[in-house]
Amino acid sequence: MNIEFIFIAIVVIGIALFLLRHKAKALKFKKRAKLEVKKAGPAPIIQIRPEIPQEPVSPPIPLAVPPVTVISFTDRLKKGLSRSRQEVWGKLSTLFSGGLSILDEDKIESLEELLYGADIGTATVAELMVEVHKKAKEGNLSEESFKNFLFDFLKAKMEPIQSKVDHGLYQFNPSDKKLTKVIMVVGVNGAGKTTTIGKLATKLRAQGANVVVGACDTFRAAAVDQLQVWCDRAGATMIRAKEGSNPSGVGYDALQAAINQNADYCILDTAGRLHTKENLMDELVKSKNVLKKLDPSAPHQILLVIDAITGQNALRQAEEFHKALDLTGLIFTKCDGSSKAGSAVSIVEQLKIPIAYIGVGETAEDLDVFRIDDYLKALLGI
């Protein structure tokens, strides 16, 4: 019995020792694991969210782009001449209230006053009134038929002269590569001469012409700077000199540069008023003659810029310039700010000089070729 008890005791003690050793290893491993977790820091928290079904994304709605409205020059002209049409020619409707009308003496007298107010000149009005009396004898007239009568009369006065316009002024022909075309632009200060030259250079450059511009109005630094901006935009070469330089010398240098570059056009700005004792016309004649040293046929065109606001005063200006320089064409500007745009009729008829361009605004698109039909229709409201 004692032996069995001792055996059993030995076995129990062995099992107890085994369990104690196993437990000690487990505690040691657990302690080491806690130490490593402490060193590593807290474990990241992972949140598991239920998946939410996403609605399909609709494609963005494109922004509506307004269509680009291209305004024709005919519409620009109608808008530009609206003041002349409304304040003068539009009053024709008062003579034809109620439809057909008989032109009695009272209405004819009112019409004569209206025509003088239109600034078309005394000679033109006198001729027109003779025709009006003939028309009155035909019986009743409508406003439309009377406007058509005026249209035909005024067109007949202008058309023979307008047919003389040189199309090379506004239509560049690359195949016609001859000498540089020299355009001398004159006019009093304030008529829009400088901006008109900028617009003209822009139009010719857009057609592919090589253009050189001479800033010969050396007495107005602001005008020269303004012209420089136009030339930079158009890609035209500009020749300038320091303020107060000899205008004719600048013109000579500009033409020399144009010839050297084989340019298609050489456009020369000129003084409209001098700050010296020398007479303006004498200086312009001198500038004109200096060009002949380089090209005996130059200048090929001498254009006078006329401000429509001045009305019949513009005619007297034109007469002085024409007497000194023998003008070849006119540029009628600022028609959008005047009620006297009708003065173009008498200026063309009396000077026998055609209008090459007409301007009705500030942008290059507001200067375009003068067309009789478009002008008269816009003026009369036909």
Protein backbone atom coordinates (compact mmCIF):
# COMPACT_ATOMS: atom_id res chain seq x y z
CA MET A 1 0.00 0.00 0.00
CA ASN A 2 2.74 2.38 0.84
CA ILE A 3 4.48 1.72 -2.46
CA GLU A 4 1.32 2.37 -4.47
CA PHE A 5 0.62 5.53 -2.52
CA ILE A 6 4.12 6.74 -3.13
CA PHE A 7 3.81 6.00 -6.89
CA ILE A 8 0.53 7.80 -7.15
CA ALA A 9 1.97 10.75 -5.27
CA ILE A 10 4.96 10.91 -7.60
CA VAL A 11 2.65 10.89 -10.64
CA VAL A 12 0.44 13.62 -9.20
CA ILE A 13 3.43 15.76 -8.34
CA GLY A 14 4.87 15.28 -11.86
CA ILE A 15 1.59 16.32 -13.43
CA ALA A 16 1.39 19.32 -11.13
CA LEU A 17 4.96 20.35 -12.00
CA PHE A 18 4.16 20.01 -15.75
CA LEU A 19 1.08 22.17 -15.41
CA LEU A 20 2.93 24.78 -13.39
CA ARG A 21 5.70 24.97 -15.98
CA HIS A 22 3.17 25.24 -18.85
CA LYS A 23 1.29 27.97 -17.00
CA ALA A 24 4.53 29.89 -16.37
CA LYS A 25 5.40 29.79 -20.10
CA ALA A 26 1.91 30.99 -20.98
CA LEU A 27 2.14 33.89 -18.55
CA LYS A 28 5.57 34.80 -19.89
CA PHE A 29 4.28 34.75 -23.51
CA LYS A 30 1.24 36.83 -22.58
CA LYS A 31 3.41 39.40 -20.82
CA ARG A 32 5.71 39.65 -23.85
CA ALA A 33 2.72 40.10 -26.18
CA LYS A 34 1.31 42.93 -24.05
CA LEU A 35 4.70 44.64 -24.10
CA GLU A 36 4.86 44.46 -27.93
CA VAL A 37 1.32 45.79 -28.28
CA LYS A 38 2.19 48.66 -25.96
CA LYS A 39 5.20 49.52 -28.09
CA ALA A 40 3.22 49.35 -31.37
CA GLY A 41 0.46 51.66 -30.14
CA PRO A 42 -3.28 51.22 -30.43
CA ALA A 43 -4.57 49.31 -33.40
CA PRO A 44 -6.46 51.30 -36.06
CA ILE A 45 -10.16 51.32 -35.74
CA ILE A 46 -11.82 49.84 -38.77
CA GLN A 47 -15.43 50.73 -39.25
CA ILE A 48 -17.43 48.58 -41.53
CA ARG A 49 -20.27 50.51 -43.06
CA PRO A 50 -23.03 49.00 -45.07
CA GLU A 51 -22.72 49.75 -48.78
CA ILE A 52 -25.21 52.37 -49.97
CA PRO A 53 -26.20 52.00 -53.61
CA GLN A 54 -25.22 55.15 -55.55
CA GLU A 55 -27.54 56.78 -58.04
CA PRO A 56 -26.17 57.09 -61.59
CA VAL A 57 -24.53 60.50 -62.20
CA SER A 58 -26.20 62.46 -65.00
CA PRO A 59 -23.89 64.17 -67.52
CA PRO A 60 -23.54 67.95 -66.96
CA ILE A 61 -25.98 70.09 -68.90
CA PRO A 62 -24.01 72.16 -71.42
CA LEU A 63 -24.27 75.92 -71.01
CA ALA A 64 -26.27 77.61 -73.70
CA VAL A 65 -23.93 79.67 -75.90
CA PRO A 66 -25.71 82.62 -77.47
CA PRO A 67 -25.30 82.73 -81.23
CA VAL A 68 -22.81 85.25 -82.56
CA THR A 69 -24.69 88.03 -84.28
CA VAL A 70 -22.90 89.41 -87.30
CA ILE A 71 -24.14 92.91 -88.06
CA SER A 72 -23.84 93.82 -91.72
CA PHE A 73 -22.55 97.23 -92.67
CA THR A 74 -25.92 97.99 -94.25
CA ASP A 75 -27.51 97.64 -90.81
CA ARG A 76 -24.69 99.65 -89.24
CA LEU A 77 -25.32 102.38 -91.81
CA LYS A 78 -29.04 102.45 -91.10
CA LYS A 79 -28.35 102.76 -87.41
CA GLY A 80 -25.65 105.37 -87.99
CA LEU A 81 -27.89 107.56 -90.14
CA SER A 82 -30.89 107.20 -87.83
CA ARG A 83 -30.49 110.71 -86.43
CA SER A 84 -30.46 112.32 -89.88
CA ARG A 85 -33.37 110.13 -90.92
CA GLN A 86 -35.51 110.84 -87.86
CA GLU A 87 -34.77 114.53 -87.32
CA VAL A 88 -34.93 115.58 -90.97
CA TRP A 89 -36.01 113.12 -93.62
CA GLY A 90 -38.38 111.29 -91.30
CA LYS A 91 -40.53 114.43 -91.15
CA LEU A 92 -41.67 113.70 -94.70
CA SER A 93 -44.34 111.48 -93.18
CA THR A 94 -46.12 114.58 -91.84
CA LEU A 95 -46.76 115.66 -95.44
CA PHE A 96 -48.50 112.39 -96.21
CA SER A 97 -50.66 111.83 -93.16
CA GLY A 98 -53.64 109.71 -94.05
CA GLY A 99 -52.07 108.03 -97.08
CA LEU A 100 -52.25 109.75 -100.46
CA SER A 101 -51.65 113.48 -100.44
CA ILE A 102 -51.81 116.43 -102.80
CA LEU A 103 -48.69 118.60 -102.67
CA ASP A 104 -50.31 121.99 -102.35
CA GLU A 105 -48.33 125.21 -101.91
CA ASP A 106 -48.27 124.95 -98.11
CA LYS A 107 -46.85 121.45 -98.21
CA ILE A 108 -44.34 122.38 -100.89
CA GLU A 109 -43.16 125.29 -98.75
CA SER A 110 -42.82 122.98 -95.72
CA LEU A 111 -40.90 120.52 -97.86
CA GLU A 112 -38.51 123.25 -99.02
CA GLU A 113 -37.76 124.22 -95.41
CA LEU A 114 -37.20 120.57 -94.57
CA LEU A 115 -34.73 120.15 -97.44
CA TYR A 116 -32.74 123.21 -96.42
CA GLY A 117 -32.59 121.76 -92.92
CA ALA A 118 -31.21 118.54 -94.41
CA ASP A 119 -28.06 120.48 -95.38
CA ILE A 120 -28.02 119.24 -98.94
CA GLY A 121 -27.08 122.68 -100.28
CA THR A 122 -28.99 125.57 -101.79
CA ALA A 123 -28.23 124.69 -105.41
CA THR A 124 -29.42 121.11 -104.97
CA VAL A 125 -32.57 122.24 -103.14
CA ALA A 126 -33.39 124.73 -105.89
CA GLU A 127 -33.12 122.04 -108.60
CA LEU A 128 -35.09 119.60 -106.50
CA MET A 129 -37.95 122.05 -105.92
CA VAL A 130 -38.35 122.52 -109.68
CA GLU A 131 -38.87 118.77 -109.97
CA VAL A 132 -41.21 118.76 -106.97
CA HIS A 133 -43.52 121.29 -108.63
CA LYS A 134 -43.64 119.05 -111.69
CA LYS A 135 -44.40 116.08 -109.48
CA ALA A 136 -47.18 117.97 -107.71
CA LYS A 137 -49.03 118.39 -111.01
CA GLU A 138 -49.24 114.63 -111.43
CA GLY A 139 -51.87 114.36 -108.69
CA ASN A 140 -51.98 112.46 -105.43
CA LEU A 141 -48.76 110.96 -104.07
CA SER A 142 -47.98 108.43 -101.38
CA GLU A 143 -45.08 108.75 -98.95
CA GLU A 144 -43.41 105.71 -100.52
CA SER A 145 -43.66 107.02 -104.07
CA PHE A 146 -42.34 110.43 -103.02
CA LYS A 147 -39.36 108.88 -101.24
CA ASN A 148 -38.60 106.85 -104.35
CA PHE A 149 -38.75 110.06 -106.36
CA LEU A 150 -36.22 111.68 -103.99
CA PHE A 151 -34.03 108.58 -104.17
CA ASP A 152 -33.90 108.69 -107.97
CA PHE A 153 -33.22 112.44 -108.03
CA LEU A 154 -30.35 112.34 -105.49
CA LYS A 155 -28.82 109.23 -107.01
CA ALA A 156 -28.77 110.86 -110.44
CA LYS A 157 -26.81 113.75 -108.92
CA MET A 158 -24.17 111.54 -107.31
CA GLU A 159 -23.78 108.50 -109.52
CA PRO A 160 -21.73 110.00 -112.39
CA ILE A 161 -19.16 111.27 -109.89
CA GLN A 162 -19.14 108.16 -107.68
CA SER A 163 -18.29 106.02 -110.69
CA LYS A 164 -14.80 107.61 -110.66
CA VAL A 165 -13.74 105.96 -107.37
CA ASP A 166 -10.53 103.95 -107.64
CA HIS A 167 -11.38 100.44 -106.41
CA GLY A 168 -7.74 99.93 -105.46
CA LEU A 169 -8.46 102.11 -102.45
CA TYR A 170 -10.38 99.35 -100.73
CA GLN A 171 -9.83 96.15 -102.69
CA PHE A 172 -6.29 94.77 -102.55
CA ASN A 173 -5.33 92.73 -105.61
CA PRO A 174 -2.22 90.58 -104.91
CA SER A 175 -1.70 89.94 -108.62
CA ASP A 176 -1.45 93.66 -109.33
CA LYS A 177 2.05 94.00 -107.91
CA LYS A 178 3.35 97.30 -109.21
CA LEU A 179 4.67 100.34 -107.40
CA THR A 180 3.67 101.04 -103.82
CA LYS A 181 0.31 102.84 -103.77
CA VAL A 182 0.74 106.09 -101.85
CA ILE A 183 -2.36 107.43 -100.07
CA MET A 184 -2.07 110.88 -98.54
CA VAL A 185 -4.84 111.57 -95.99
CA VAL A 186 -5.65 115.18 -95.10
CA GLY A 187 -8.22 117.04 -93.02
CA VAL A 188 -8.64 119.41 -90.11
CA ASN A 189 -7.96 118.27 -86.55
CA GLY A 190 -10.95 116.57 -84.98
CA ALA A 191 -12.45 115.20 -88.20
CA GLY A 192 -11.34 111.66 -87.34
CA LYS A 193 -8.32 111.54 -89.64
CA THR A 194 -6.02 109.48 -87.42
CA THR A 195 -8.57 106.82 -86.47
CA THR A 196 -9.72 106.60 -90.09
CA ILE A 197 -6.15 105.85 -91.20
CA GLY A 198 -5.94 103.16 -88.50
CA LYS A 199 -9.16 101.57 -89.73
CA LEU A 200 -8.04 101.75 -93.36
CA ALA A 201 -4.72 100.09 -92.53
CA THR A 202 -6.57 97.38 -90.60
CA LYS A 203 -8.87 96.63 -93.54
CA LEU A 204 -6.03 96.43 -96.08
CA ARG A 205 -3.91 94.27 -93.77
CA ALA A 206 -6.88 91.89 -93.33
CA GLN A 207 -6.83 91.41 -97.11
CA GLY A 208 -3.16 90.42 -96.96
CA ALA A 209 -1.63 93.72 -98.05
CA ASN A 210 1.72 94.91 -96.72
CA VAL A 211 1.07 98.38 -95.29
CA VAL A 212 3.43 101.12 -94.12
CA VAL A 213 1.97 104.11 -92.26
CA GLY A 214 3.74 107.45 -91.91
CA ALA A 215 2.87 109.51 -88.81
CA CYS A 216 3.47 112.92 -90.34
CA ASP A 217 1.31 114.87 -87.87
CA THR A 218 4.37 115.49 -85.72
CA PHE A 219 2.77 118.34 -83.76
CA ARG A 220 0.33 116.07 -81.91
CA ALA A 221 2.10 113.40 -79.87
CA ALA A 222 -1.21 111.91 -78.70
CA ALA A 223 -2.32 111.39 -82.30
CA VAL A 224 0.95 109.64 -83.14
CA ASP A 225 0.59 107.35 -80.12
CA GLN A 226 -2.99 106.60 -81.08
CA LEU A 227 -1.93 105.71 -84.60
CA GLN A 228 0.81 103.46 -83.20
CA VAL A 229 -1.81 101.44 -81.32
CA TRP A 230 -3.84 100.96 -84.49
CA CYS A 231 -0.77 99.89 -86.47
CA ASP A 232 0.34 97.44 -83.78
CA ARG A 233 -3.09 95.80 -83.78
CA ALA A 234 -3.21 95.61 -87.56
CA GLY A 235 0.37 94.44 -88.00
CA ALA A 236 1.29 97.46 -90.12
CA THR A 237 4.72 99.11 -90.07
CA MET A 238 4.69 102.66 -88.72
CA ILE A 239 7.32 105.31 -89.34
CA ARG A 240 7.43 108.10 -86.78
CA ALA A 241 9.80 110.84 -85.67
CA LYS A 242 10.24 112.95 -82.59
CA GLU A 243 7.65 115.59 -81.80
CA GLY A 244 7.93 118.74 -83.90
CA SER A 245 9.93 117.11 -86.69
CA ASN A 246 9.51 118.23 -90.29
CA PRO A 247 6.24 116.57 -91.51
CA SER A 248 7.42 116.33 -95.12
CA GLY A 249 10.60 114.59 -93.96
CA VAL A 250 8.61 111.93 -92.14
CA GLY A 251 6.53 111.34 -95.26
CA TYR A 252 9.69 110.93 -97.31
CA ASP A 253 11.12 108.42 -94.81
CA ALA A 254 7.86 106.47 -94.73
CA LEU A 255 7.72 106.14 -98.51
CA GLN A 256 11.39 105.16 -98.62
CA ALA A 257 10.71 102.42 -96.05
CA ALA A 258 7.66 101.24 -98.02
CA ILE A 259 9.68 101.03 -101.23
CA ASN A 260 12.47 99.13 -99.46
CA GLN A 261 9.92 96.66 -98.04
CA ASN A 262 8.16 96.35 -101.39
CA ALA A 263 4.98 97.35 -99.52
CA ASP A 264 1.62 97.43 -101.27
CA TYR A 265 0.41 100.62 -99.59
CA CYS A 266 1.98 103.64 -97.93
CA ILE A 267 -0.61 105.66 -96.00
CA LEU A 268 0.45 109.09 -94.78
CA ASP A 269 -1.21 110.95 -91.92
CA THR A 270 -0.79 114.73 -92.13
CA ALA A 271 -1.15 117.75 -89.91
CA GLY A 272 -4.56 119.39 -89.61
CA ARG A 273 -3.21 122.47 -87.89
CA LEU A 274 0.35 123.75 -87.53
CA HIS A 275 1.97 125.26 -84.47
CA THR A 276 4.34 127.34 -86.57
CA LYS A 277 3.99 130.45 -88.69
CA GLU A 278 3.90 128.36 -91.83
CA ASN A 279 0.52 128.03 -93.53
CA LEU A 280 -1.11 124.60 -93.34
CA MET A 281 -1.79 124.34 -97.06
CA ASP A 282 1.77 125.35 -97.92
CA GLU A 283 3.11 122.59 -95.69
CA LEU A 284 0.77 120.01 -97.22
CA VAL A 285 1.79 121.02 -100.74
CA LYS A 286 5.43 120.69 -99.68
CA SER A 287 4.77 117.22 -98.26
CA LYS A 288 3.07 116.23 -101.49
CA ASN A 289 5.94 117.42 -103.68
CA VAL A 290 8.67 115.79 -101.57
CA LEU A 291 7.17 112.37 -102.31
CA LYS A 292 7.79 112.86 -106.03
CA LYS A 293 11.55 112.65 -105.42
CA LEU A 294 11.05 108.94 -104.72
CA ASP A 295 8.11 108.30 -107.04
CA PRO A 296 7.13 110.93 -109.65
CA SER A 297 3.56 109.58 -109.69
CA ALA A 298 3.12 109.85 -105.90
CA PRO A 299 0.85 110.43 -104.13
CA HIS A 300 -1.60 108.29 -106.08
CA GLN A 301 -4.55 109.23 -103.90
CA ILE A 302 -5.23 112.32 -101.77
CA LEU A 303 -8.21 111.71 -99.52
CA LEU A 304 -9.93 114.37 -97.44
CA VAL A 305 -11.58 113.27 -94.18
CA ILE A 306 -14.81 115.21 -93.62
CA ASP A 307 -16.76 115.35 -90.35
CA ALA A 308 -20.49 115.01 -91.11
CA ILE A 309 -21.32 117.09 -88.04
CA THR A 310 -19.99 120.22 -89.74
CA GLY A 311 -22.54 119.97 -92.56
CA GLN A 312 -22.13 122.71 -95.17
CA ASN A 313 -19.05 124.02 -93.35
CA ALA A 314 -17.36 120.84 -94.52
CA LEU A 315 -17.94 121.96 -98.10
CA ARG A 316 -15.94 125.14 -97.54
CA GLN A 317 -13.13 123.13 -95.95
CA ALA A 318 -13.15 120.74 -98.88
CA GLU A 319 -12.95 123.60 -101.37
CA GLU A 320 -9.76 124.94 -99.70
CA PHE A 321 -8.08 121.52 -99.59
CA HIS A 322 -9.09 120.74 -103.15
CA LYS A 323 -7.74 124.05 -104.45
CA ALA A 324 -4.33 123.38 -102.89
CA LEU A 325 -3.96 119.63 -103.33
CA ASP A 326 -6.29 118.47 -106.11
CA LEU A 327 -8.19 115.89 -104.04
CA THR A 328 -9.06 112.50 -105.53
CA GLY A 329 -11.57 111.27 -102.94
CA LEU A 330 -13.44 111.91 -99.70
CA ILE A 331 -14.00 109.97 -96.50
CA PHE A 332 -17.23 110.92 -94.74
CA THR A 333 -16.97 110.29 -90.98
CA LYS A 334 -19.02 110.58 -87.76
CA CYS A 335 -22.33 110.16 -89.55
CA ASP A 336 -23.73 108.43 -86.47
CA GLY A 337 -23.50 111.60 -84.38
CA SER A 338 -25.00 114.08 -86.81
CA SER A 339 -28.34 115.06 -88.33
CA LYS A 340 -26.45 116.56 -91.28
CA ALA A 341 -25.34 113.39 -93.05
CA GLY A 342 -27.32 114.54 -96.08
CA SER A 343 -24.60 117.12 -96.80
CA ALA A 344 -22.69 114.37 -98.63
CA VAL A 345 -24.99 114.90 -101.61
CA SER A 346 -24.08 118.55 -102.21
CA ILE A 347 -20.39 118.04 -101.38
CA VAL A 348 -20.05 115.35 -104.03
CA GLU A 349 -22.04 117.32 -106.59
CA GLN A 350 -20.31 120.65 -106.12
CA LEU A 351 -16.72 119.41 -105.78
CA LYS A 352 -17.12 116.63 -108.38
CA ILE A 353 -15.13 114.39 -106.03
CA PRO A 354 -16.40 110.91 -105.08
CA ILE A 355 -16.77 109.57 -101.54
CA ALA A 356 -14.60 106.48 -101.12
CA TYR A 357 -15.50 105.56 -97.54
CA ILE A 358 -18.19 106.37 -94.99
CA GLY A 359 -17.81 105.97 -91.22
CA VAL A 360 -20.59 105.39 -88.70
CA GLY A 361 -18.75 104.38 -85.51
CA GLU A 362 -15.50 103.76 -83.66
CA THR A 363 -14.49 100.23 -84.73
CA ALA A 364 -12.77 99.17 -87.95
CA GLU A 365 -16.03 97.50 -89.04
CA ASP A 366 -17.79 100.87 -88.84
CA LEU A 367 -15.80 102.18 -91.81
CA ASP A 368 -16.75 100.77 -95.19
CA VAL A 369 -17.05 101.49 -98.87
CA PHE A 370 -19.52 104.24 -99.75
CA ARG A 371 -22.36 102.79 -101.84
CA ILE A 372 -24.96 105.23 -103.17
CA ASP A 373 -27.97 102.94 -102.92
CA ASP A 374 -27.27 101.88 -99.33
CA TYR A 375 -26.56 105.46 -98.27
CA LEU A 376 -29.71 106.97 -99.80
CA LYS A 377 -31.98 104.17 -98.59
CA ALA A 378 -30.64 104.54 -95.05
CA LEU A 379 -31.01 108.34 -95.26
CA LEU A 380 -34.58 108.35 -96.60
CA GLY A 381 -35.80 105.30 -94.69
CA ILE A 382 -36.69 103.24 -97.73
